[in-house]
């Protein structure tokens, strides 16, 4: 219950507090986007014209340039016959009158210039206010259009989205204005676009071409054909201007980001971010929890689960990037990981508690089983019988017993049920009950073997078999009969130090309905002689080299 409560609490936090998964969400987004960008081709109509370090170094003026020089640059680009020019430079303040006049005249004459403005949100005690910094009106009214540039920085400082329009000011972005005015996009279709969109970068084939304005000025004819009927985005990409931003693809200049936003619209790569929407977060958290639960129930090991986890994540990220639907994959993965871990731990603890309970039950059963074996030494007419059982598990199928049948005869029996655990222990208990009942009915050794076989066969139906050795001793004349039922031969340790094995034939008990015992081994014992009965577990556990016969090693041990 504690694990389930913790899991539900985590699920609620993931759904209601988006910042809890931002670190992973952004990492996944950046990874898939940087890979996908290498396979996307930018619209061939876009070209970035950069005012780079070489262009600034070759000029006579420092940046910002006089308006007259900007006007000359626009006329230079107009000579390439482009479809339009987007100027990523803000003309907010006045310059010299002549310079402003020349720039105004150039903008008016070219007729295909789109200027930019800048939007900025400012926080105050009264709330958040929106401030717009525009170019001088004398320039904006002569331009084809003016649109704002407003890249949105996420909490980690990276730019992944841009605003397409702002209804508070009734303004459109520069990318939107370019799409409407130069590419003649359907105005009705544009109104259906979201206000905020992800910037979709395209880098296949080198991405959007970037040409130095200085190179164009030095060889205009070289670039005329390349730039003809293209949309040129003019801006500063020299590092000293510090117009650079951190993006999923790394540090990129502002003019290249503006070009990427235009390409996003022109190429119809309209993405949608839904990773902060509560309904999607709740849905994906639920999917993650169910997936973790299924992984545990399916029996996947802790080694296989991460592989399945990674493969599913990879496919999900590919689909999200192909369809540009950026849903909250991170919350699903976190929920999957935590739920899998919770279920694994819960399952482990449950198994551990069950194991402890079974061990306790087995311990109790072992105590009961030990009560079925004789604990005290038996003495009759100078004969002594004793035994010891040490099972490899809590419960085993080893059985031995000895009885004074009357004031003259002894019965010694040893048995070994196949297998281990509860089934073999049950067979041992059945054997014990059969022996007691047989003795009450006056059964001899041969008839006792037959009774054991009949009961085991009918009760266990060949599921478990038993070996046995039965010894019948006449303590008066010291003679004995030994019946073997598939059990290892006992050792006779004589008083003179010699050792023999008593061989007698016989089949397993419980293998068939009827049983015929083999001929017994008949012999006699003298004072000081000893008979050792054992089960095969003693031989199997005897220490010795793997290439040596364990029975031979045991025999040598007995001779020491």
Protein backbone atom coordinates (compact mmCIF):
# COMPACT_ATOMS: atom_id res chain seq x y z
CA UNK A 1 0.00 0.00 0.00
CA UNK A 2 2.87 2.38 0.75
CA UNK A 3 4.33 1.75 -2.71
CA UNK A 4 0.97 2.37 -4.41
CA UNK A 5 0.45 5.58 -2.42
CA UNK A 6 3.92 6.84 -3.34
CA UNK A 7 3.28 6.00 -7.00
CA UNK A 8 -0.03 7.87 -7.03
CA UNK A 9 1.60 10.88 -5.36
CA UNK A 10 4.36 10.91 -7.98
CA UNK A 11 1.77 10.64 -10.74
CA UNK A 12 -0.12 13.65 -9.36
CA UNK A 13 3.09 15.69 -9.15
CA UNK A 14 4.09 14.79 -12.72
CA UNK A 15 0.66 15.74 -14.05
CA UNK A 16 0.16 18.99 -12.15
CA UNK A 17 3.73 20.36 -11.99
CA UNK A 18 5.32 20.43 -15.47
CA UNK A 19 8.64 21.71 -14.12
CA UNK A 20 9.28 18.32 -12.49
CA UNK A 21 9.98 16.76 -15.89
CA UNK A 22 11.35 19.78 -17.81
CA UNK A 23 14.96 18.62 -17.55
CA UNK A 24 14.22 15.29 -19.21
CA UNK A 25 11.58 16.65 -21.58
CA UNK A 26 13.98 19.25 -22.95
CA UNK A 27 16.84 16.75 -23.23
CA UNK A 28 14.69 14.33 -25.21
CA UNK A 29 13.36 17.13 -27.39
CA UNK A 30 16.82 18.47 -28.16
CA UNK A 31 18.23 15.03 -28.93
CA UNK A 32 15.50 13.99 -31.33
CA UNK A 33 15.34 17.43 -32.94
CA UNK A 34 19.09 17.66 -33.56
CA UNK A 35 19.06 14.21 -35.17
CA UNK A 36 15.94 14.90 -37.25
CA UNK A 37 17.37 18.23 -38.45
CA UNK A 38 20.09 16.35 -40.34
CA UNK A 39 17.41 14.68 -42.48
CA UNK A 40 15.26 17.74 -43.17
CA UNK A 41 15.83 19.97 -46.20
CA UNK A 42 15.18 23.66 -46.01
CA UNK A 43 13.06 25.42 -48.61
CA UNK A 44 15.44 26.29 -51.49
CA UNK A 45 13.99 29.82 -51.80
CA UNK A 46 15.65 31.03 -48.58
CA UNK A 47 19.14 32.52 -48.30
CA UNK A 48 20.77 34.18 -45.30
CA UNK A 49 22.98 37.16 -46.10
CA UNK A 50 25.21 37.68 -43.11
CA UNK A 51 27.08 40.76 -42.03
CA UNK A 52 29.99 38.77 -40.64
CA UNK A 53 33.38 39.70 -39.23
CA UNK A 54 34.99 39.96 -42.69
CA UNK A 55 32.23 42.28 -43.88
CA UNK A 56 32.67 44.53 -40.85
CA UNK A 57 36.46 44.47 -41.20
CA UNK A 58 36.33 45.46 -44.87
CA UNK A 59 34.02 48.43 -44.22
CA UNK A 60 35.13 51.93 -43.34
CA UNK A 61 32.53 52.31 -40.59
CA UNK A 62 32.01 50.55 -37.29
CA UNK A 63 28.78 48.84 -36.42
CA UNK A 64 26.04 50.05 -36.32
CA UNK A 65 26.49 51.32 -39.83
CA UNK A 66 25.29 54.73 -41.01
CA UNK A 67 21.87 54.53 -42.67
CA UNK A 68 23.44 55.50 -45.98
CA UNK A 69 25.59 52.34 -45.93
CA UNK A 70 22.58 50.18 -45.06
CA UNK A 71 20.70 51.73 -47.99
CA UNK A 72 23.60 50.90 -50.30
CA UNK A 73 23.60 47.31 -49.04
CA UNK A 74 19.88 46.99 -49.77
CA UNK A 75 20.36 48.33 -53.28
CA UNK A 76 23.24 45.87 -53.73
CA UNK A 77 20.99 42.96 -52.77
CA UNK A 78 18.14 44.32 -54.90
CA UNK A 79 20.48 44.08 -57.89
CA UNK A 80 20.41 40.31 -57.44
CA UNK A 81 16.67 40.42 -58.24
CA UNK A 82 15.41 38.59 -55.14
CA UNK A 83 11.77 37.92 -54.48
CA UNK A 84 12.01 39.82 -51.21
CA UNK A 85 14.42 41.00 -48.51
CA UNK A 86 13.83 40.55 -44.79
CA UNK A 87 16.00 42.96 -42.82
CA UNK A 88 16.87 41.66 -39.35
CA UNK A 89 18.05 45.11 -38.20
CA UNK A 90 16.08 47.47 -35.98
CA UNK A 91 16.07 51.14 -37.02
CA UNK A 92 14.66 52.49 -33.79
CA UNK A 93 16.57 55.78 -33.54
CA UNK A 94 17.31 58.54 -36.00
CA UNK A 95 20.63 58.87 -37.78
CA UNK A 96 21.67 61.81 -39.91
CA UNK A 97 18.84 63.28 -41.92
CA UNK A 98 20.54 62.48 -45.19
CA UNK A 99 21.22 58.92 -44.12
CA UNK A 100 17.65 58.36 -42.96
CA UNK A 101 16.36 59.92 -46.15
CA UNK A 102 18.47 57.60 -48.33
CA UNK A 103 17.34 54.51 -46.38
CA UNK A 104 13.68 55.61 -46.56
CA UNK A 105 14.02 56.16 -50.29
CA UNK A 106 15.67 52.76 -50.83
CA UNK A 107 12.95 50.95 -48.89
CA UNK A 108 10.23 52.72 -50.86
CA UNK A 109 11.82 52.13 -54.27
CA UNK A 110 12.57 48.44 -53.72
CA UNK A 111 9.07 47.72 -52.47
CA UNK A 112 9.84 44.19 -51.22
CA UNK A 113 11.48 45.00 -47.89
CA UNK A 114 10.16 43.52 -44.64
CA UNK A 115 11.39 45.15 -41.46
CA UNK A 116 11.42 43.80 -37.91
CA UNK A 117 10.30 45.00 -34.53
CA UNK A 118 11.11 43.52 -31.14
CA UNK A 119 8.64 42.49 -28.45
CA UNK A 120 9.65 42.22 -24.83
CA UNK A 121 7.69 41.25 -21.74
CA UNK A 122 8.42 43.21 -18.56
CA UNK A 123 7.31 42.30 -15.09
CA UNK A 124 6.19 44.96 -12.61
CA UNK A 125 4.17 45.03 -9.37
CA UNK A 126 1.11 45.66 -11.51
CA UNK A 127 1.73 42.52 -13.60
CA UNK A 128 3.33 41.63 -16.91
CA UNK A 129 3.36 44.28 -19.62
CA UNK A 130 4.32 43.95 -23.27
CA UNK A 131 6.65 46.48 -24.83
CA UNK A 132 7.22 46.78 -28.58
CA UNK A 133 10.34 48.36 -30.05
CA UNK A 134 9.77 49.35 -33.69
CA UNK A 135 11.71 50.99 -36.46
CA UNK A 136 11.00 54.64 -37.15
CA UNK A 137 7.61 55.17 -38.70
CA UNK A 138 9.13 56.79 -41.77
CA UNK A 139 10.74 53.44 -42.56
CA UNK A 140 7.95 51.09 -41.55
CA UNK A 141 5.24 52.82 -43.62
CA UNK A 142 7.40 52.53 -46.74
CA UNK A 143 8.22 48.85 -46.17
CA UNK A 144 6.19 45.99 -47.59
CA UNK A 145 5.46 44.94 -44.00
CA UNK A 146 6.85 45.01 -40.51
CA UNK A 147 6.76 42.04 -38.15
CA UNK A 148 8.16 41.29 -34.75
CA UNK A 149 10.81 38.78 -33.83
CA UNK A 150 10.16 37.11 -30.51
CA UNK A 151 11.97 33.91 -29.73
CA UNK A 152 10.79 32.26 -26.53
CA UNK A 153 13.42 31.12 -24.07
CA UNK A 154 12.59 28.10 -21.94
CA UNK A 155 13.55 27.81 -18.31
CA UNK A 156 16.93 26.33 -19.25
CA UNK A 157 17.74 29.34 -21.44
CA UNK A 158 17.32 27.58 -24.79
CA UNK A 159 15.24 28.89 -27.64
CA UNK A 160 12.90 26.22 -28.99
CA UNK A 161 9.73 28.14 -29.87
CA UNK A 162 8.69 31.44 -31.41
CA UNK A 163 5.54 33.55 -31.31
CA UNK A 164 3.68 33.79 -34.58
CA UNK A 165 1.22 36.51 -33.61
CA UNK A 166 0.18 38.59 -30.61
CA UNK A 167 -3.48 39.43 -30.26
CA UNK A 168 -2.83 41.99 -27.52
CA UNK A 169 -1.08 44.25 -30.01
CA UNK A 170 -2.74 42.87 -33.10
CA UNK A 171 0.73 42.20 -34.54
CA UNK A 172 2.22 39.46 -36.65
CA UNK A 173 5.74 38.08 -36.55
CA UNK A 174 8.27 38.80 -39.29
CA UNK A 175 8.02 35.14 -40.30
CA UNK A 176 4.25 35.46 -40.65
CA UNK A 177 4.53 38.70 -42.63
CA UNK A 178 7.06 37.09 -44.96
CA UNK A 179 4.78 34.11 -45.43
CA UNK A 180 1.78 36.34 -46.17
CA UNK A 181 3.36 39.12 -48.23
CA UNK A 182 6.14 37.41 -50.18
CA UNK A 183 4.89 33.83 -50.43
CA UNK A 184 1.26 34.97 -50.80
CA UNK A 185 -0.01 32.45 -48.30
CA UNK A 186 -3.75 31.97 -47.88
CA UNK A 187 -4.79 34.44 -45.16
CA UNK A 188 -7.68 32.23 -44.03
CA UNK A 189 -5.37 29.23 -43.60
CA UNK A 190 -2.84 31.34 -41.71
CA UNK A 191 -5.43 32.34 -39.12
CA UNK A 192 -5.73 28.67 -38.15
CA UNK A 193 -2.09 28.48 -37.20
CA UNK A 194 -1.27 28.47 -33.48
CA UNK A 195 0.08 31.61 -31.82
CA UNK A 196 3.16 29.75 -30.66
CA UNK A 197 5.15 27.24 -32.67
CA UNK A 198 8.36 25.22 -32.35
CA UNK A 199 11.28 26.33 -34.52
CA UNK A 200 11.99 23.39 -36.84
CA UNK A 201 15.58 23.49 -38.02
CA UNK A 202 16.61 21.85 -41.31
CA UNK A 203 20.25 20.96 -41.90
CA UNK A 204 20.21 18.36 -44.70
CA UNK A 205 22.40 19.44 -47.59
CA UNK A 206 23.94 22.16 -45.45
CA UNK A 207 20.65 23.76 -44.40
CA UNK A 208 19.71 27.32 -45.36
CA UNK A 209 22.68 28.81 -47.29
CA UNK A 210 24.58 31.59 -45.50
CA UNK A 211 26.43 34.06 -47.73
CA UNK A 212 28.63 36.90 -46.55
CA UNK A 213 27.47 40.35 -47.59
CA UNK A 214 31.13 41.22 -48.13
CA UNK A 215 31.48 38.36 -50.62
CA UNK A 216 28.46 39.60 -52.58
CA UNK A 217 29.86 43.13 -52.65
CA UNK A 218 33.16 41.79 -53.97
CA UNK A 219 31.65 39.65 -56.73
CA UNK A 220 28.05 40.51 -57.43
CA UNK A 221 27.86 38.57 -60.70
CA UNK A 222 28.89 35.35 -58.99
CA UNK A 223 25.83 35.38 -56.74
CA UNK A 224 23.28 36.94 -59.10
CA UNK A 225 21.93 33.72 -60.53
CA UNK A 226 22.00 31.94 -57.16
CA UNK A 227 20.05 34.68 -55.36
CA UNK A 228 17.60 35.49 -58.12
CA UNK A 229 13.96 35.03 -57.08
CA UNK A 230 15.08 34.00 -53.57
CA UNK A 231 14.05 35.50 -50.26
CA UNK A 232 17.11 37.06 -48.66
CA UNK A 233 17.29 37.46 -44.89
CA UNK A 234 19.82 40.17 -44.09
CA UNK A 235 21.25 40.36 -40.60
CA UNK A 236 24.35 40.51 -38.46
CA UNK A 237 26.02 37.18 -37.68
CA UNK A 238 29.32 38.63 -36.50
CA UNK A 239 30.05 37.30 -32.96
CA UNK A 240 30.97 40.74 -31.63
CA UNK A 241 27.35 41.88 -31.96
CA UNK A 242 26.30 39.10 -29.54
CA UNK A 243 23.09 38.30 -31.40
CA UNK A 244 23.42 34.57 -30.73
CA UNK A 245 21.09 32.19 -28.93
CA UNK A 246 21.28 28.71 -27.46
CA UNK A 247 19.09 26.26 -29.40
CA UNK A 248 18.69 22.46 -29.60
CA UNK A 249 21.34 22.56 -32.34
CA UNK A 250 23.75 24.67 -30.32
CA UNK A 251 24.62 28.37 -30.50
CA UNK A 252 23.06 29.98 -33.59
CA UNK A 253 22.91 33.59 -34.76
CA UNK A 254 19.63 35.50 -34.57
CA UNK A 255 19.39 35.99 -38.35
CA UNK A 256 19.71 32.21 -38.93
CA UNK A 257 17.02 31.56 -36.33
CA UNK A 258 14.74 34.08 -38.09
CA UNK A 259 15.40 32.26 -41.38
CA UNK A 260 14.54 28.94 -39.66
CA UNK A 261 11.21 30.33 -38.43
CA UNK A 262 10.33 31.44 -41.99
CA UNK A 263 11.36 28.03 -43.31
CA UNK A 264 9.17 26.37 -40.67
CA UNK A 265 6.12 28.13 -42.14
CA UNK A 266 7.07 27.87 -45.81
CA UNK A 267 7.88 24.16 -45.52
CA UNK A 268 4.64 23.57 -43.58
CA UNK A 269 6.43 22.03 -40.63
CA UNK A 270 3.76 23.14 -38.22
CA UNK A 271 4.57 21.53 -34.92
CA UNK A 272 2.53 21.52 -31.77
CA UNK A 273 3.72 21.43 -28.17
CA UNK A 274 1.30 19.72 -25.82
CA UNK A 275 3.76 18.56 -23.17
CA UNK A 276 2.43 21.06 -20.60
CA UNK A 277 -1.25 20.27 -21.15
CA UNK A 278 -2.71 18.47 -18.14
CA UNK A 279 -4.83 16.02 -20.11
CA UNK A 280 -1.86 14.81 -22.17
CA UNK A 281 0.35 14.57 -19.11
CA UNK A 282 -2.29 12.55 -17.26
CA UNK A 283 -2.74 10.24 -20.26
CA UNK A 284 0.98 9.62 -20.71
CA UNK A 285 1.54 9.08 -16.97
CA UNK A 286 -1.21 6.46 -17.03
CA UNK A 287 0.38 4.81 -20.08
CA UNK A 288 3.75 4.77 -18.29
CA UNK A 289 2.32 3.17 -15.15
CA UNK A 290 0.44 0.52 -17.15
CA UNK A 291 3.54 -0.18 -19.27
CA UNK A 292 5.64 -0.68 -16.16
CA UNK A 293 3.02 -2.98 -14.70
CA UNK A 294 2.85 -5.02 -17.93
CA UNK A 295 6.66 -5.35 -18.00
CA UNK A 296 6.68 -6.79 -14.50
CA UNK A 297 3.74 -9.14 -15.12
CA UNK A 298 5.24 -10.34 -18.40
CA UNK A 299 8.20 -11.66 -16.45
CA UNK A 300 10.86 -9.48 -18.09
CA UNK A 301 14.03 -9.44 -16.03
CA UNK A 302 15.70 -6.27 -14.80
CA UNK A 303 18.15 -6.63 -17.69
CA UNK A 304 15.47 -6.94 -20.38
CA UNK A 305 13.24 -4.16 -19.09
CA UNK A 306 15.70 -1.31 -19.90
CA UNK A 307 16.07 -2.68 -23.45
CA UNK A 308 12.31 -2.70 -23.96
CA UNK A 309 12.19 0.68 -22.25
CA UNK A 310 14.81 2.18 -24.63
CA UNK A 311 13.28 0.63 -27.78
CA UNK A 312 9.80 1.91 -26.98
CA UNK A 313 11.15 5.37 -26.17
CA UNK A 314 13.11 5.49 -29.43
CA UNK A 315 10.05 4.58 -31.52
CA UNK A 316 7.92 7.09 -29.64
CA UNK A 317 10.41 9.90 -30.20
CA UNK A 318 10.62 9.11 -33.92
CA UNK A 319 6.84 9.24 -34.25
CA UNK A 320 6.63 12.51 -32.32
CA UNK A 321 9.26 14.10 -34.55
CA UNK A 322 7.78 12.79 -37.80
CA UNK A 323 4.36 14.20 -36.94
CA UNK A 324 5.84 17.21 -35.05
CA UNK A 325 3.55 16.50 -32.13
CA UNK A 326 5.67 17.05 -29.07
CA UNK A 327 3.77 15.35 -26.30
CA UNK A 328 5.13 14.74 -22.77
CA UNK A 329 7.30 11.70 -23.37
CA UNK A 330 9.36 12.43 -20.25
CA UNK A 331 6.47 12.00 -17.81
CA UNK A 332 5.62 8.67 -19.40
CA UNK A 333 9.22 7.48 -19.10
CA UNK A 334 9.52 8.63 -15.49
CA UNK A 335 6.19 6.98 -14.65
CA UNK A 336 7.27 3.81 -16.47
CA UNK A 337 10.62 3.67 -14.70
CA UNK A 338 9.23 4.41 -11.23
CA UNK A 339 6.24 2.10 -11.63
CA UNK A 340 8.46 -0.74 -12.92
CA UNK A 341 10.82 -0.22 -10.00
CA UNK A 342 7.92 -0.03 -7.55
CA UNK A 343 6.30 -3.17 -8.92
CA UNK A 344 9.62 -5.02 -8.98
CA UNK A 345 10.38 -4.03 -5.39
CA UNK A 346 6.83 -4.89 -4.32
CA UNK A 347 7.07 -8.23 -6.07
CA UNK A 348 10.49 -8.88 -4.55
CA UNK A 349 9.28 -8.05 -1.04
CA UNK A 350 6.17 -10.14 -1.54
CA UNK A 351 8.30 -13.07 -2.70
CA UNK A 352 10.67 -12.48 0.19
CA UNK A 353 7.84 -12.53 2.74
CA UNK A 354 6.36 -15.61 1.10
CA UNK A 355 9.77 -17.26 1.15
CA UNK A 356 10.14 -16.46 4.84
CA UNK A 357 6.69 -17.88 5.48
CA UNK A 358 7.49 -21.00 3.48
CA UNK A 359 10.80 -21.37 5.28
CA UNK A 360 9.00 -21.12 8.60
CA UNK A 361 6.43 -23.65 7.47
CA UNK A 362 9.20 -25.91 6.17
CA UNK A 363 11.01 -25.55 9.49
CA UNK A 364 7.87 -26.58 11.33
CA UNK A 365 7.41 -29.45 8.91
CA UNK A 366 11.02 -30.46 9.48
CA UNK A 367 10.37 -30.62 13.21
CA UNK A 368 7.36 -32.83 12.55
CA UNK A 369 9.42 -35.00 10.19
CA UNK A 370 12.15 -35.40 12.79
CA UNK A 371 9.50 -36.72 15.18
CA UNK A 372 8.87 -39.54 12.71
CA UNK A 373 12.46 -40.77 13.08
CA UNK A 374 13.77 -42.63 16.14
CA UNK A 375 15.88 -40.47 18.42
CA UNK A 376 17.08 -42.98 20.96
CA UNK A 377 19.43 -45.89 20.55
CA UNK A 378 17.79 -49.33 20.55
CA UNK A 379 19.36 -52.18 22.53
CA UNK A 380 18.20 -55.80 22.50
CA UNK A 381 20.10 -58.87 23.64
CA UNK A 382 23.50 -57.25 23.20
CA UNK A 383 22.61 -55.68 19.84
CA UNK A 384 22.67 -51.89 19.40
CA UNK A 385 20.97 -49.86 16.63
CA UNK A 386 21.19 -46.08 16.13
CA UNK A 387 20.73 -43.65 13.24
CA UNK A 388 21.15 -40.09 12.06
CA UNK A 389 19.46 -38.10 9.30
CA UNK A 390 20.80 -34.80 7.93
CA UNK A 391 18.75 -33.49 5.01
CA UNK A 392 20.26 -31.20 2.38
CA UNK A 393 17.01 -29.18 2.47
CA UNK A 394 14.48 -28.32 5.12
CA UNK A 395 12.48 -31.35 4.04
CA UNK A 396 13.78 -34.54 2.50
CA UNK A 397 12.77 -38.05 1.57
CA UNK A 398 15.33 -39.92 3.70
CA UNK A 399 13.74 -42.37 6.15
CA UNK A 400 15.13 -44.83 8.64
CA UNK A 401 13.59 -46.73 11.50
CA UNK A 402 14.26 -49.67 13.79
CA UNK A 403 12.01 -51.73 16.04
CA UNK A 404 12.20 -54.53 18.53
CA UNK A 405 9.55 -56.74 16.96
CA UNK A 406 9.56 -59.04 19.98
CA UNK A 407 12.05 -60.08 22.62
CA UNK A 408 14.15 -61.82 19.96
CA UNK A 409 13.83 -60.11 16.61
CA UNK A 410 14.91 -56.66 15.31
CA UNK A 411 13.65 -54.85 12.23
CA UNK A 412 15.84 -52.15 10.66
CA UNK A 413 14.69 -50.22 7.60
CA UNK A 414 16.16 -47.36 5.60
CA UNK A 415 14.51 -45.66 2.62
CA UNK A 416 15.05 -42.77 0.24
CA UNK A 417 12.21 -41.18 -1.74
CA UNK A 418 13.13 -39.59 -5.04
CA UNK A 419 13.34 -35.79 -5.19
CA UNK A 420 13.39 -33.25 -2.40
CA UNK A 421 11.05 -31.06 -0.45
CA UNK A 422 7.43 -31.62 0.44
CA UNK A 423 6.61 -34.43 -2.09
CA UNK A 424 9.49 -36.64 -0.97
CA UNK A 425 8.74 -35.84 2.69
CA UNK A 426 5.15 -36.93 2.08
CA UNK A 427 6.36 -40.21 0.58
CA UNK A 428 8.59 -40.72 3.63
CA UNK A 429 5.60 -40.17 5.96
CA UNK A 430 3.54 -42.64 3.93
CA UNK A 431 6.36 -45.17 4.28
CA UNK A 432 6.52 -44.65 8.04
CA UNK A 433 2.77 -45.19 8.43
CA UNK A 434 2.89 -48.31 6.26
CA UNK A 435 5.73 -49.81 8.32
CA UNK A 436 3.89 -49.17 11.61
CA UNK A 437 0.68 -50.69 10.26
CA UNK A 438 2.56 -53.68 8.86
CA UNK A 439 4.26 -54.41 12.15
CA UNK A 440 0.92 -54.26 13.95
CA UNK A 441 -0.33 -56.90 11.54
CA UNK A 442 2.71 -59.11 12.04
CA UNK A 443 4.31 -58.57 8.62
CA UNK A 444 7.78 -59.96 8.03
CA UNK A 445 10.46 -58.23 5.95
CA UNK A 446 9.32 -59.56 2.56
CA UNK A 447 5.66 -58.80 3.14
CA UNK A 448 6.55 -55.36 4.48
CA UNK A 449 8.38 -54.55 1.21
CA UNK A 450 5.34 -55.63 -0.76
CA UNK A 451 3.04 -53.49 1.41
CA UNK A 452 5.26 -50.44 0.98
CA UNK A 453 5.24 -50.86 -2.80
CA UNK A 454 1.45 -51.25 -2.95
CA UNK A 455 0.71 -48.19 -0.81
CA UNK A 456 3.22 -45.92 -2.61
CA UNK A 457 1.99 -47.00 -6.02
CA UNK A 458 -1.66 -46.39 -5.22
CA UNK A 459 -1.09 -43.13 -3.36
CA UNK A 460 1.47 -41.48 -5.64
CA UNK A 461 0.86 -43.15 -9.03
CA UNK A 462 4.53 -43.35 -10.02
CA UNK A 463 5.05 -39.65 -9.35
CA UNK A 464 7.53 -40.54 -6.61
CA UNK A 465 9.43 -43.77 -6.06
CA UNK A 466 11.40 -45.02 -3.08
CA UNK A 467 14.43 -47.18 -2.54
CA UNK A 468 14.70 -49.21 0.65
CA UNK A 469 16.81 -51.72 2.52
CA UNK A 470 15.16 -53.97 5.13
CA UNK A 471 17.10 -55.93 7.70
CA UNK A 472 15.52 -58.71 9.81
CA UNK A 473 17.75 -59.86 12.69
CA UNK A 474 17.48 -62.85 15.02
CA UNK A 475 19.35 -61.61 18.09
CA UNK A 476 19.54 -65.09 19.63
CA UNK A 477 21.45 -66.90 16.88
CA UNK A 478 22.89 -63.65 15.37
CA UNK A 479 21.56 -64.44 11.91
CA UNK A 480 19.98 -61.87 9.62
CA UNK A 481 18.11 -61.50 6.34
CA UNK A 482 18.69 -58.39 4.21
CA UNK A 483 16.20 -57.39 1.48
CA UNK A 484 17.26 -54.76 -1.06
CA UNK A 485 14.73 -52.57 -2.96
CA UNK A 486 17.02 -50.59 -5.21
CA UNK A 487 18.98 -49.07 -2.32
CA UNK A 488 22.79 -48.67 -2.13
CA UNK A 489 24.45 -51.74 -0.70
CA UNK A 490 25.32 -51.55 3.01
CA UNK A 491 28.83 -52.07 4.34
CA UNK A 492 29.75 -54.85 6.78
CA UNK A 493 32.62 -53.70 8.98
CA UNK A 494 34.03 -56.82 10.63
CA UNK A 495 35.80 -56.97 13.92
CA UNK A 496 39.03 -58.01 12.19
CA UNK A 497 39.09 -54.73 10.19
CA UNK A 498 37.91 -56.11 6.86
CA UNK A 499 35.06 -54.43 4.94
CA UNK A 500 32.46 -56.03 2.71
CA UNK A 501 29.43 -54.83 0.79
CA UNK A 502 26.29 -56.90 1.07
CA UNK A 503 24.82 -57.28 -2.40
CA UNK A 504 21.19 -58.17 -2.89
CA UNK A 505 18.91 -57.49 -5.83
CA UNK A 506 15.51 -55.83 -5.85
CA UNK A 507 13.49 -53.16 -7.72
CA UNK A 508 12.31 -49.73 -6.63
CA UNK A 509 9.17 -49.39 -4.57
CA UNK A 510 6.10 -47.70 -6.05
CA UNK A 511 6.87 -48.43 -9.72
CA UNK A 512 4.26 -51.11 -10.33
CA UNK A 513 1.08 -52.46 -8.84
CA UNK A 514 2.45 -55.84 -7.83
CA UNK A 515 5.84 -56.41 -6.25
CA UNK A 516 8.01 -59.46 -5.85
CA UNK A 517 11.00 -59.01 -3.61
CA UNK A 518 14.30 -60.48 -4.65
CA UNK A 519 16.14 -63.18 -2.78
CA UNK A 520 17.43 -61.88 0.54
CA UNK A 521 21.04 -61.81 1.55
CA UNK A 522 21.41 -64.12 4.54
CA UNK A 523 24.30 -63.97 6.94
CA UNK A 524 25.36 -63.73 10.53
CA UNK A 525 27.15 -61.19 12.70
CA UNK A 526 29.73 -61.74 15.37
CA UNK A 527 30.66 -59.70 18.38
CA UNK A 528 32.25 -56.40 17.27
CA UNK A 529 30.84 -56.56 13.72
CA UNK A 530 28.92 -53.54 12.45
CA UNK A 531 26.48 -52.97 9.57
CA UNK A 532 26.32 -49.47 8.01
CA UNK A 533 23.24 -48.46 6.02
CA UNK A 534 23.22 -45.08 4.23
CA UNK A 535 21.49 -43.15 1.45
CA UNK A 536 23.14 -41.99 -1.77
CA UNK A 537 23.29 -38.39 -0.51
CA UNK A 538 26.15 -39.39 1.79
CA UNK A 539 28.23 -40.61 -1.17
CA UNK A 540 27.33 -37.59 -3.33
CA UNK A 541 28.42 -35.17 -0.63
CA UNK A 542 31.64 -37.01 0.16
CA UNK A 543 34.68 -34.78 -0.54
CA UNK A 544 36.99 -36.09 -3.24
CA UNK A 545 38.46 -35.44 -6.66
CA UNK A 546 36.03 -35.39 -9.58
CA UNK A 547 37.98 -38.03 -11.46
CA UNK A 548 37.84 -40.52 -8.54
CA UNK A 549 35.15 -43.04 -7.66
CA UNK A 550 33.23 -41.63 -4.68
CA UNK A 551 32.25 -45.13 -3.51
CA UNK A 552 35.91 -46.14 -3.48
CA UNK A 553 36.85 -43.01 -1.55
CA UNK A 554 34.11 -43.71 0.98
CA UNK A 555 35.22 -47.32 1.38
CA UNK A 556 38.79 -46.18 1.97
CA UNK A 557 37.51 -43.71 4.53
CA UNK A 558 35.69 -46.46 6.41
CA UNK A 559 38.86 -48.51 6.48
CA UNK A 560 40.84 -45.86 8.30
